[in-house]
N, C-alpha and C. Protein backbone atom coordinates (compact mmCIF):
# COMPACT_ATOMS: atom_id res chain seq x y z
N UNK A 1 -0.05 -3.74 30.95
CA UNK A 1 1.01 -3.07 30.24
C UNK A 1 1.08 -1.62 30.70
N UNK A 2 2.26 -1.11 30.74
CA UNK A 2 2.44 0.28 31.13
C UNK A 2 1.94 1.20 30.03
N UNK A 3 1.53 2.37 30.45
CA UNK A 3 1.03 3.37 29.51
C UNK A 3 2.11 3.74 28.48
N UNK A 4 3.37 3.89 28.91
CA UNK A 4 4.45 4.26 27.99
C UNK A 4 4.70 3.16 26.97
N UNK A 5 4.54 1.91 27.37
CA UNK A 5 4.72 0.78 26.45
C UNK A 5 3.62 0.77 25.40
N UNK A 6 2.39 1.03 25.83
CA UNK A 6 1.27 1.08 24.90
C UNK A 6 1.44 2.22 23.90
N UNK A 7 1.90 3.37 24.39
CA UNK A 7 2.12 4.51 23.51
C UNK A 7 3.21 4.20 22.49
N UNK A 8 4.29 3.61 22.93
CA UNK A 8 5.38 3.25 22.02
C UNK A 8 4.90 2.24 20.97
N UNK A 9 4.12 1.26 21.38
CA UNK A 9 3.59 0.26 20.46
C UNK A 9 2.65 0.91 19.44
N UNK A 10 1.82 1.81 19.89
CA UNK A 10 0.90 2.50 18.99
C UNK A 10 1.65 3.34 17.97
N UNK A 11 2.70 4.02 18.39
CA UNK A 11 3.49 4.84 17.46
C UNK A 11 4.21 3.98 16.43
N UNK A 12 4.72 2.85 16.85
CA UNK A 12 5.40 1.95 15.91
C UNK A 12 4.45 1.45 14.84
N UNK A 13 3.26 1.12 15.24
CA UNK A 13 2.28 0.60 14.30
C UNK A 13 1.73 1.68 13.38
N UNK A 14 1.77 2.93 13.82
CA UNK A 14 1.21 4.02 13.02
C UNK A 14 2.16 4.53 11.96
N UNK A 15 3.45 4.22 12.07
CA UNK A 15 4.44 4.70 11.10
C UNK A 15 4.31 3.88 9.83
N UNK A 16 4.11 4.52 8.68
CA UNK A 16 3.97 3.78 7.44
C UNK A 16 5.29 3.12 7.05
N UNK A 17 5.17 2.04 6.31
CA UNK A 17 6.36 1.34 5.84
C UNK A 17 7.11 2.24 4.86
N UNK A 18 8.41 2.15 4.87
CA UNK A 18 9.23 2.95 3.96
C UNK A 18 9.04 2.44 2.54
N UNK A 19 8.97 3.36 1.62
CA UNK A 19 8.87 2.98 0.20
C UNK A 19 10.22 2.44 -0.26
N UNK A 20 10.14 1.60 -1.27
CA UNK A 20 11.37 1.11 -1.88
C UNK A 20 11.99 2.24 -2.68
N UNK A 21 13.27 2.13 -2.92
CA UNK A 21 13.90 3.05 -3.85
C UNK A 21 13.85 2.40 -5.23
N UNK A 22 13.91 3.19 -6.28
CA UNK A 22 13.95 2.60 -7.61
C UNK A 22 15.11 1.59 -7.76
N UNK A 23 16.23 1.88 -7.13
CA UNK A 23 17.39 0.96 -7.22
C UNK A 23 17.07 -0.37 -6.54
N UNK A 24 16.38 -0.33 -5.40
CA UNK A 24 16.01 -1.57 -4.72
C UNK A 24 15.07 -2.40 -5.59
N UNK A 25 14.15 -1.73 -6.25
CA UNK A 25 13.22 -2.45 -7.13
C UNK A 25 13.98 -3.04 -8.30
N UNK A 26 14.90 -2.28 -8.89
CA UNK A 26 15.72 -2.82 -9.99
C UNK A 26 16.53 -4.03 -9.52
N UNK A 27 17.15 -3.93 -8.36
CA UNK A 27 17.93 -5.05 -7.84
C UNK A 27 17.07 -6.29 -7.65
N UNK A 28 15.87 -6.09 -7.15
CA UNK A 28 14.95 -7.21 -6.93
C UNK A 28 14.52 -7.84 -8.25
N UNK A 29 14.20 -7.00 -9.24
CA UNK A 29 13.80 -7.51 -10.55
C UNK A 29 14.97 -8.24 -11.23
N UNK A 30 16.17 -7.71 -11.08
CA UNK A 30 17.36 -8.35 -11.65
C UNK A 30 17.60 -9.71 -11.00
N UNK A 31 17.40 -9.79 -9.70
CA UNK A 31 17.57 -11.06 -9.00
C UNK A 31 16.55 -12.08 -9.50
N UNK A 32 15.31 -11.64 -9.71
CA UNK A 32 14.28 -12.54 -10.24
C UNK A 32 14.63 -13.02 -11.65
N UNK A 33 15.28 -12.14 -12.41
CA UNK A 33 15.66 -12.49 -13.78
C UNK A 33 16.88 -13.40 -13.79
N UNK A 34 17.57 -13.47 -12.67
CA UNK A 34 18.73 -14.35 -12.58
C UNK A 34 20.00 -13.75 -13.16
N UNK A 35 20.06 -12.46 -13.25
CA UNK A 35 21.27 -11.82 -13.78
C UNK A 35 21.15 -10.32 -13.78
N UNK A 36 22.01 -9.71 -14.55
CA UNK A 36 22.00 -8.25 -14.58
C UNK A 36 21.02 -7.74 -15.62
N UNK A 37 20.59 -6.52 -15.40
CA UNK A 37 19.66 -5.86 -16.32
C UNK A 37 20.45 -5.03 -17.32
N UNK A 38 19.86 -4.83 -18.48
CA UNK A 38 20.48 -4.05 -19.54
C UNK A 38 19.60 -2.86 -19.89
N UNK A 39 20.12 -1.66 -19.67
CA UNK A 39 19.38 -0.45 -20.04
C UNK A 39 19.18 -0.39 -21.55
N UNK A 40 20.14 -0.88 -22.31
CA UNK A 40 20.01 -0.87 -23.78
C UNK A 40 18.85 -1.76 -24.23
N UNK A 41 18.75 -2.96 -23.64
CA UNK A 41 17.62 -3.83 -23.99
C UNK A 41 16.31 -3.21 -23.52
N UNK A 42 16.34 -2.55 -22.36
CA UNK A 42 15.14 -1.89 -21.85
C UNK A 42 14.69 -0.77 -22.77
N UNK A 43 15.62 -0.01 -23.29
CA UNK A 43 15.26 1.06 -24.23
C UNK A 43 14.67 0.46 -25.50
N UNK A 44 15.24 -0.63 -25.98
CA UNK A 44 14.69 -1.29 -27.17
C UNK A 44 13.26 -1.75 -26.92
N UNK A 45 13.01 -2.32 -25.75
CA UNK A 45 11.66 -2.76 -25.41
C UNK A 45 10.71 -1.55 -25.35
N UNK A 46 11.14 -0.47 -24.74
CA UNK A 46 10.32 0.74 -24.62
C UNK A 46 9.95 1.30 -25.99
N UNK A 47 10.87 1.24 -26.94
CA UNK A 47 10.65 1.85 -28.25
C UNK A 47 10.10 0.89 -29.30
N UNK A 48 10.14 -0.41 -29.04
CA UNK A 48 9.73 -1.41 -30.03
C UNK A 48 8.25 -1.34 -30.33
N UNK A 49 7.92 -1.58 -31.58
CA UNK A 49 6.52 -1.67 -31.99
C UNK A 49 6.12 -3.13 -31.97
N UNK A 50 4.90 -3.37 -31.53
CA UNK A 50 4.38 -4.73 -31.40
C UNK A 50 3.21 -4.93 -32.34
N UNK A 51 3.09 -6.11 -32.87
CA UNK A 51 1.94 -6.46 -33.70
C UNK A 51 1.04 -7.43 -32.95
N UNK A 52 1.03 -7.33 -31.62
CA UNK A 52 0.28 -8.27 -30.79
C UNK A 52 -1.22 -7.99 -30.77
N UNK A 53 -1.65 -6.89 -31.34
CA UNK A 53 -3.07 -6.57 -31.36
C UNK A 53 -3.60 -6.02 -30.06
N UNK A 54 -2.72 -5.47 -29.24
CA UNK A 54 -3.15 -4.89 -27.98
C UNK A 54 -3.76 -3.52 -28.19
N UNK A 55 -4.06 -2.86 -27.10
CA UNK A 55 -4.64 -1.51 -27.15
C UNK A 55 -3.65 -0.54 -27.78
N UNK A 56 -2.38 -0.68 -27.47
CA UNK A 56 -1.34 0.17 -28.03
C UNK A 56 -0.33 -0.72 -28.74
N UNK A 57 0.37 -0.18 -29.72
CA UNK A 57 1.34 -0.98 -30.45
C UNK A 57 2.78 -0.76 -29.96
N UNK A 58 2.94 0.11 -28.97
CA UNK A 58 4.26 0.36 -28.39
C UNK A 58 4.07 1.09 -27.06
N UNK A 59 5.05 0.99 -26.19
CA UNK A 59 5.00 1.75 -24.93
C UNK A 59 4.91 3.23 -25.22
N UNK A 60 5.62 3.65 -26.28
CA UNK A 60 5.67 5.07 -26.62
C UNK A 60 4.35 5.60 -27.16
N UNK A 61 3.42 4.73 -27.51
CA UNK A 61 2.11 5.19 -27.98
C UNK A 61 1.39 5.97 -26.89
N UNK A 62 1.56 5.56 -25.65
CA UNK A 62 0.93 6.26 -24.53
C UNK A 62 1.94 7.13 -23.77
N UNK A 63 3.16 6.63 -23.63
CA UNK A 63 4.15 7.31 -22.79
C UNK A 63 5.00 8.31 -23.53
N UNK A 64 4.89 8.43 -24.81
CA UNK A 64 5.69 9.28 -25.70
C UNK A 64 7.13 8.75 -25.77
N UNK A 65 7.85 9.09 -26.83
CA UNK A 65 9.24 8.62 -26.94
C UNK A 65 10.17 9.19 -25.87
N UNK A 66 9.76 10.29 -25.24
CA UNK A 66 10.55 10.92 -24.19
C UNK A 66 10.05 10.45 -22.83
N UNK A 67 10.82 9.61 -22.16
CA UNK A 67 10.41 9.04 -20.88
C UNK A 67 10.27 10.08 -19.78
N UNK A 68 10.73 11.31 -20.05
CA UNK A 68 10.60 12.39 -19.07
C UNK A 68 9.35 13.23 -19.31
N UNK A 69 8.61 12.93 -20.37
CA UNK A 69 7.43 13.71 -20.71
C UNK A 69 6.15 13.03 -20.23
N UNK A 70 5.11 13.81 -20.07
CA UNK A 70 3.80 13.26 -19.75
C UNK A 70 3.22 12.63 -21.00
N UNK A 71 2.47 11.59 -20.80
CA UNK A 71 1.83 10.92 -21.92
C UNK A 71 0.32 10.94 -21.77
N UNK A 72 -0.33 10.16 -22.64
CA UNK A 72 -1.78 10.07 -22.61
C UNK A 72 -2.19 8.70 -23.13
N UNK A 73 -3.05 8.02 -22.39
CA UNK A 73 -3.51 6.69 -22.79
C UNK A 73 -4.27 6.81 -24.11
N UNK A 74 -3.96 5.90 -25.05
CA UNK A 74 -4.56 6.01 -26.38
C UNK A 74 -6.06 5.77 -26.40
N UNK A 75 -6.56 4.99 -25.47
CA UNK A 75 -8.00 4.69 -25.47
C UNK A 75 -8.79 5.59 -24.53
N UNK A 76 -8.31 5.76 -23.31
CA UNK A 76 -9.07 6.54 -22.32
C UNK A 76 -8.72 8.02 -22.34
N UNK A 77 -7.59 8.36 -22.94
CA UNK A 77 -7.09 9.74 -23.03
C UNK A 77 -6.73 10.33 -21.67
N UNK A 78 -6.59 9.45 -20.65
CA UNK A 78 -6.16 9.92 -19.34
C UNK A 78 -4.68 10.29 -19.41
N UNK A 79 -4.33 11.38 -18.71
CA UNK A 79 -2.94 11.80 -18.66
C UNK A 79 -2.12 10.80 -17.86
N UNK A 80 -0.91 10.57 -18.32
CA UNK A 80 0.02 9.65 -17.65
C UNK A 80 1.25 10.45 -17.25
N UNK A 81 1.61 10.35 -15.99
CA UNK A 81 2.80 11.04 -15.51
C UNK A 81 4.05 10.43 -16.16
N UNK A 82 5.16 11.17 -16.21
CA UNK A 82 6.38 10.66 -16.84
C UNK A 82 6.83 9.33 -16.25
N UNK A 83 7.43 8.50 -17.08
CA UNK A 83 7.91 7.18 -16.66
C UNK A 83 9.23 7.24 -15.90
N UNK A 84 10.12 8.11 -16.32
CA UNK A 84 11.47 8.15 -15.73
C UNK A 84 11.44 8.76 -14.34
N UNK A 85 12.06 8.08 -13.37
CA UNK A 85 12.11 8.62 -12.01
C UNK A 85 12.75 10.01 -11.92
N UNK A 86 13.62 10.35 -12.86
CA UNK A 86 14.24 11.67 -12.84
C UNK A 86 13.19 12.77 -13.03
N UNK A 87 12.09 12.45 -13.70
CA UNK A 87 11.02 13.42 -13.94
C UNK A 87 9.79 13.18 -13.07
N UNK A 88 9.74 12.02 -12.42
CA UNK A 88 8.59 11.67 -11.59
C UNK A 88 9.11 10.81 -10.43
N UNK A 89 9.34 11.44 -9.30
CA UNK A 89 9.97 10.72 -8.19
C UNK A 89 9.12 9.61 -7.59
N UNK A 90 7.87 9.52 -7.99
CA UNK A 90 7.00 8.45 -7.50
C UNK A 90 7.20 7.14 -8.26
N UNK A 91 7.81 7.20 -9.43
CA UNK A 91 7.97 6.00 -10.25
C UNK A 91 8.96 5.03 -9.60
N UNK A 92 8.62 3.77 -9.69
CA UNK A 92 9.48 2.68 -9.23
C UNK A 92 9.81 2.81 -7.74
N UNK A 93 8.79 3.16 -6.94
CA UNK A 93 9.00 3.26 -5.49
C UNK A 93 8.10 2.32 -4.70
N UNK A 94 7.17 1.66 -5.37
CA UNK A 94 6.29 0.69 -4.71
C UNK A 94 6.24 -0.57 -5.56
N UNK A 95 6.77 -1.65 -5.01
CA UNK A 95 6.88 -2.89 -5.77
C UNK A 95 5.52 -3.37 -6.28
N UNK A 96 4.49 -3.27 -5.46
CA UNK A 96 3.16 -3.74 -5.88
C UNK A 96 2.66 -2.95 -7.08
N UNK A 97 2.87 -1.64 -7.08
CA UNK A 97 2.46 -0.82 -8.22
C UNK A 97 3.26 -1.17 -9.47
N UNK A 98 4.55 -1.39 -9.30
CA UNK A 98 5.40 -1.75 -10.44
C UNK A 98 4.87 -3.03 -11.07
N UNK A 99 4.58 -4.03 -10.27
CA UNK A 99 4.07 -5.30 -10.79
C UNK A 99 2.71 -5.12 -11.45
N UNK A 100 1.84 -4.34 -10.82
CA UNK A 100 0.50 -4.09 -11.37
C UNK A 100 0.60 -3.49 -12.76
N UNK A 101 1.42 -2.46 -12.89
CA UNK A 101 1.51 -1.77 -14.18
C UNK A 101 2.24 -2.59 -15.22
N UNK A 102 3.26 -3.35 -14.84
CA UNK A 102 3.90 -4.24 -15.82
C UNK A 102 2.88 -5.25 -16.34
N UNK A 103 2.12 -5.83 -15.44
CA UNK A 103 1.14 -6.83 -15.86
C UNK A 103 0.14 -6.25 -16.84
N UNK A 104 -0.41 -5.11 -16.49
CA UNK A 104 -1.43 -4.48 -17.34
C UNK A 104 -0.83 -3.99 -18.66
N UNK A 105 0.27 -3.25 -18.59
CA UNK A 105 0.81 -2.64 -19.80
C UNK A 105 1.47 -3.63 -20.74
N UNK A 106 2.11 -4.66 -20.21
CA UNK A 106 2.70 -5.66 -21.09
C UNK A 106 1.60 -6.37 -21.88
N UNK A 107 0.49 -6.66 -21.22
CA UNK A 107 -0.63 -7.29 -21.92
C UNK A 107 -1.22 -6.35 -22.97
N UNK A 108 -1.31 -5.05 -22.65
CA UNK A 108 -1.87 -4.10 -23.59
C UNK A 108 -0.99 -3.89 -24.82
N UNK A 109 0.32 -3.97 -24.65
CA UNK A 109 1.23 -3.70 -25.76
C UNK A 109 1.73 -5.00 -26.41
N UNK A 110 2.17 -5.93 -25.60
CA UNK A 110 2.78 -7.15 -26.13
C UNK A 110 1.80 -8.31 -26.29
N UNK A 111 0.63 -8.18 -25.66
CA UNK A 111 -0.34 -9.26 -25.72
C UNK A 111 0.01 -10.41 -24.78
N UNK A 112 0.92 -10.16 -23.85
CA UNK A 112 1.38 -11.17 -22.89
C UNK A 112 2.04 -10.46 -21.72
N UNK A 113 2.31 -11.22 -20.67
CA UNK A 113 3.05 -10.64 -19.55
C UNK A 113 4.52 -10.53 -19.91
N UNK A 114 5.17 -9.55 -19.36
CA UNK A 114 6.61 -9.40 -19.57
C UNK A 114 7.36 -10.45 -18.77
N UNK A 115 8.49 -10.85 -19.29
CA UNK A 115 9.35 -11.78 -18.55
C UNK A 115 10.07 -11.01 -17.44
N UNK A 116 10.64 -11.73 -16.52
CA UNK A 116 11.41 -11.10 -15.44
C UNK A 116 12.56 -10.29 -16.02
N UNK A 117 13.19 -10.81 -17.07
CA UNK A 117 14.31 -10.10 -17.69
C UNK A 117 13.84 -8.80 -18.36
N UNK A 118 12.70 -8.85 -19.02
CA UNK A 118 12.16 -7.64 -19.66
C UNK A 118 11.83 -6.58 -18.61
N UNK A 119 11.26 -6.99 -17.49
CA UNK A 119 10.94 -6.03 -16.43
C UNK A 119 12.22 -5.38 -15.89
N UNK A 120 13.23 -6.20 -15.66
CA UNK A 120 14.50 -5.67 -15.15
C UNK A 120 15.14 -4.73 -16.17
N UNK A 121 15.16 -5.12 -17.43
CA UNK A 121 15.75 -4.29 -18.47
C UNK A 121 15.01 -2.96 -18.62
N UNK A 122 13.69 -3.02 -18.66
CA UNK A 122 12.88 -1.81 -18.79
C UNK A 122 13.15 -0.86 -17.63
N UNK A 123 13.17 -1.40 -16.43
CA UNK A 123 13.43 -0.59 -15.24
C UNK A 123 14.83 0.00 -15.29
N UNK A 124 15.80 -0.78 -15.72
CA UNK A 124 17.18 -0.27 -15.83
C UNK A 124 17.22 0.91 -16.79
N UNK A 125 16.51 0.80 -17.90
CA UNK A 125 16.48 1.92 -18.84
C UNK A 125 15.85 3.15 -18.20
N UNK A 126 14.73 2.99 -17.56
CA UNK A 126 14.05 4.14 -16.96
C UNK A 126 14.93 4.81 -15.91
N UNK A 127 15.68 4.03 -15.16
CA UNK A 127 16.57 4.60 -14.15
C UNK A 127 17.79 5.26 -14.78
N UNK A 128 18.12 4.89 -16.02
CA UNK A 128 19.28 5.48 -16.70
C UNK A 128 18.96 6.81 -17.38
N UNK A 129 17.68 7.10 -17.55
CA UNK A 129 17.28 8.34 -18.23
C UNK A 129 17.66 9.52 -17.34
N UNK A 130 18.37 10.44 -17.92
CA UNK A 130 18.84 11.64 -17.16
C UNK A 130 18.24 12.89 -17.74
């Protein structure tokens, strides 16, 4: 192989994959849900209190009622960056992280995994926060 070809191949492999946009993640979650997402339903889910016996009784227990504010985990007291992408540009940019946190947090609050529709709705709400 030519030296220039090897250099080009090495550069291609060294470039990190582009992150998803929050909109791409929402579109993907909506497709999995089989329809459109509702920011209103997402806000209801974010604010709803659960009696599931999890670590927290609502998303707002850790994330605060203001999705643009920093929160704090009720058990570990670790600081949590804002949920809304308008206040935290890292939110909803990596599909694997989105799935990881939905899995963990839905179990902590709801006592179960979130449905595809709940994930899409929640994400739609977070993207609607201005």
